[in-house]
Amino acid sequence: MDKQEKCALMQERIDNGDIFSKAKNKDTCPNCGAVTDKDNDNYCWKCGEKLV
């Protein structure tokens, strides 16, 4: 697996919310649909949208 494939795989895991598997209060961004952590995030990590 080359560097580009590794990056794509990592991006896919992030998009699927793997990185938030330990978050107890998951939500999705109203703007782009990325998985967010309601307890710790005020802004979406992907698009910068303010989370309510």
N, C-alpha and C. Protein backbone atom coordinates (compact mmCIF):
# COMPACT_ATOMS: atom_id res chain seq x y z
N MET A 1 0.85 -1.20 0.00
CA MET A 1 0.00 0.00 0.00
C MET A 1 0.89 1.25 0.00
N ASP A 2 0.70 2.10 -0.99
CA ASP A 2 1.52 3.31 -1.04
C ASP A 2 0.90 4.43 -0.20
N LYS A 3 1.63 5.52 -0.12
CA LYS A 3 1.22 6.64 0.75
C LYS A 3 -0.15 7.20 0.38
N GLN A 4 -0.42 7.29 -0.93
CA GLN A 4 -1.69 7.85 -1.40
C GLN A 4 -2.87 6.96 -0.98
N GLU A 5 -2.68 5.64 -1.09
CA GLU A 5 -3.74 4.71 -0.69
C GLU A 5 -3.99 4.78 0.82
N LYS A 6 -2.90 4.90 1.58
CA LYS A 6 -3.01 5.01 3.04
C LYS A 6 -3.80 6.25 3.42
N CYS A 7 -3.51 7.36 2.76
CA CYS A 7 -4.22 8.62 3.02
C CYS A 7 -5.71 8.49 2.70
N ALA A 8 -6.01 7.85 1.59
CA ALA A 8 -7.40 7.67 1.17
C ALA A 8 -8.14 6.81 2.19
N LEU A 9 -7.48 5.76 2.66
CA LEU A 9 -8.09 4.86 3.64
C LEU A 9 -8.34 5.60 4.96
N MET A 10 -7.36 6.40 5.37
CA MET A 10 -7.49 7.17 6.61
C MET A 10 -8.64 8.17 6.50
N GLN A 11 -8.72 8.84 5.35
CA GLN A 11 -9.79 9.82 5.11
C GLN A 11 -11.15 9.14 5.17
N GLU A 12 -11.23 7.94 4.60
CA GLU A 12 -12.48 7.18 4.60
C GLU A 12 -12.89 6.82 6.02
N ARG A 13 -11.93 6.42 6.84
CA ARG A 13 -12.21 6.06 8.23
C ARG A 13 -12.69 7.27 9.01
N ILE A 14 -12.06 8.42 8.76
CA ILE A 14 -12.47 9.65 9.43
C ILE A 14 -13.90 10.02 9.01
N ASP A 15 -14.19 9.94 7.70
CA ASP A 15 -15.52 10.26 7.19
C ASP A 15 -16.58 9.34 7.76
N ASN A 16 -16.22 8.10 8.00
CA ASN A 16 -17.18 7.14 8.54
C ASN A 16 -17.33 7.23 10.05
N GLY A 17 -16.56 8.12 10.67
CA GLY A 17 -16.73 8.36 12.10
C GLY A 17 -15.93 7.45 13.00
N ASP A 18 -14.99 6.66 12.45
CA ASP A 18 -14.16 5.78 13.29
C ASP A 18 -13.42 6.56 14.37
N ILE A 19 -13.00 7.76 14.01
CA ILE A 19 -12.21 8.57 14.93
C ILE A 19 -13.06 9.00 16.15
N PHE A 20 -14.38 8.94 16.00
CA PHE A 20 -15.28 9.32 17.08
C PHE A 20 -15.89 8.11 17.79
N SER A 21 -15.28 6.94 17.63
CA SER A 21 -15.87 5.72 18.19
C SER A 21 -15.98 5.76 19.72
N LYS A 22 -15.12 6.55 20.38
CA LYS A 22 -15.17 6.65 21.84
C LYS A 22 -16.06 7.80 22.33
N ALA A 23 -16.52 8.63 21.40
CA ALA A 23 -17.39 9.75 21.77
C ALA A 23 -18.76 9.21 22.19
N LYS A 24 -19.23 9.69 23.33
CA LYS A 24 -20.51 9.21 23.86
C LYS A 24 -21.70 9.94 23.23
N ASN A 25 -21.46 11.18 22.81
CA ASN A 25 -22.56 12.01 22.33
C ASN A 25 -22.30 12.44 20.89
N LYS A 26 -22.46 11.51 19.95
CA LYS A 26 -22.17 11.80 18.55
C LYS A 26 -23.31 12.55 17.87
N ASP A 27 -22.95 13.35 16.91
CA ASP A 27 -23.93 14.09 16.12
C ASP A 27 -23.37 14.24 14.71
N THR A 28 -24.14 14.81 13.82
CA THR A 28 -23.62 15.07 12.48
C THR A 28 -23.76 16.55 12.17
N CYS A 29 -22.84 17.03 11.37
CA CYS A 29 -22.84 18.44 10.98
C CYS A 29 -24.04 18.71 10.07
N PRO A 30 -24.81 19.78 10.36
CA PRO A 30 -25.99 20.09 9.53
C PRO A 30 -25.60 20.55 8.12
N ASN A 31 -24.37 21.01 7.97
CA ASN A 31 -23.92 21.53 6.68
C ASN A 31 -23.35 20.45 5.76
N CYS A 32 -22.39 19.63 6.28
CA CYS A 32 -21.73 18.66 5.40
C CYS A 32 -21.97 17.21 5.80
N GLY A 33 -22.57 16.97 6.96
CA GLY A 33 -22.91 15.61 7.36
C GLY A 33 -21.78 14.83 8.02
N ALA A 34 -20.67 15.48 8.31
CA ALA A 34 -19.55 14.80 8.97
C ALA A 34 -19.92 14.46 10.41
N VAL A 35 -19.35 13.39 10.92
CA VAL A 35 -19.62 13.00 12.31
C VAL A 35 -18.88 13.96 13.24
N THR A 36 -19.58 14.42 14.27
CA THR A 36 -18.97 15.33 15.24
C THR A 36 -19.22 14.82 16.65
N ASP A 37 -18.49 15.37 17.60
CA ASP A 37 -18.65 15.02 19.01
C ASP A 37 -19.36 16.19 19.69
N LYS A 38 -20.63 15.99 20.05
CA LYS A 38 -21.45 17.06 20.62
C LYS A 38 -20.87 17.65 21.91
N ASP A 39 -20.18 16.81 22.71
CA ASP A 39 -19.65 17.27 23.98
C ASP A 39 -18.44 18.19 23.85
N ASN A 40 -17.63 17.98 22.82
CA ASN A 40 -16.36 18.70 22.74
C ASN A 40 -16.21 19.63 21.54
N ASP A 41 -17.07 19.51 20.55
CA ASP A 41 -16.90 20.32 19.34
C ASP A 41 -17.89 21.48 19.27
N ASN A 42 -17.39 22.67 18.99
CA ASN A 42 -18.26 23.82 18.75
C ASN A 42 -18.39 24.10 17.26
N TYR A 43 -17.39 23.63 16.51
CA TYR A 43 -17.37 23.83 15.06
C TYR A 43 -17.07 22.50 14.38
N CYS A 44 -17.58 22.31 13.19
CA CYS A 44 -17.31 21.09 12.43
C CYS A 44 -15.83 21.06 12.03
N TRP A 45 -15.19 19.91 12.22
CA TRP A 45 -13.77 19.77 11.87
C TRP A 45 -13.57 19.75 10.37
N LYS A 46 -14.62 19.44 9.62
CA LYS A 46 -14.47 19.29 8.17
C LYS A 46 -14.76 20.58 7.40
N CYS A 47 -15.86 21.26 7.73
CA CYS A 47 -16.23 22.44 6.94
C CYS A 47 -16.22 23.74 7.75
N GLY A 48 -16.08 23.64 9.09
CA GLY A 48 -16.00 24.84 9.91
C GLY A 48 -17.34 25.41 10.33
N GLU A 49 -18.42 24.74 10.00
CA GLU A 49 -19.77 25.19 10.36
C GLU A 49 -19.93 25.22 11.88
N LYS A 50 -20.58 26.26 12.40
CA LYS A 50 -20.84 26.32 13.85
C LYS A 50 -21.91 25.29 14.20
N LEU A 51 -21.62 24.47 15.21
CA LEU A 51 -22.58 23.45 15.63
C LEU A 51 -23.46 24.00 16.74
N VAL A 52 -24.73 23.72 16.67
CA VAL A 52 -25.68 24.26 17.65
C VAL A 52 -25.73 23.37 18.88
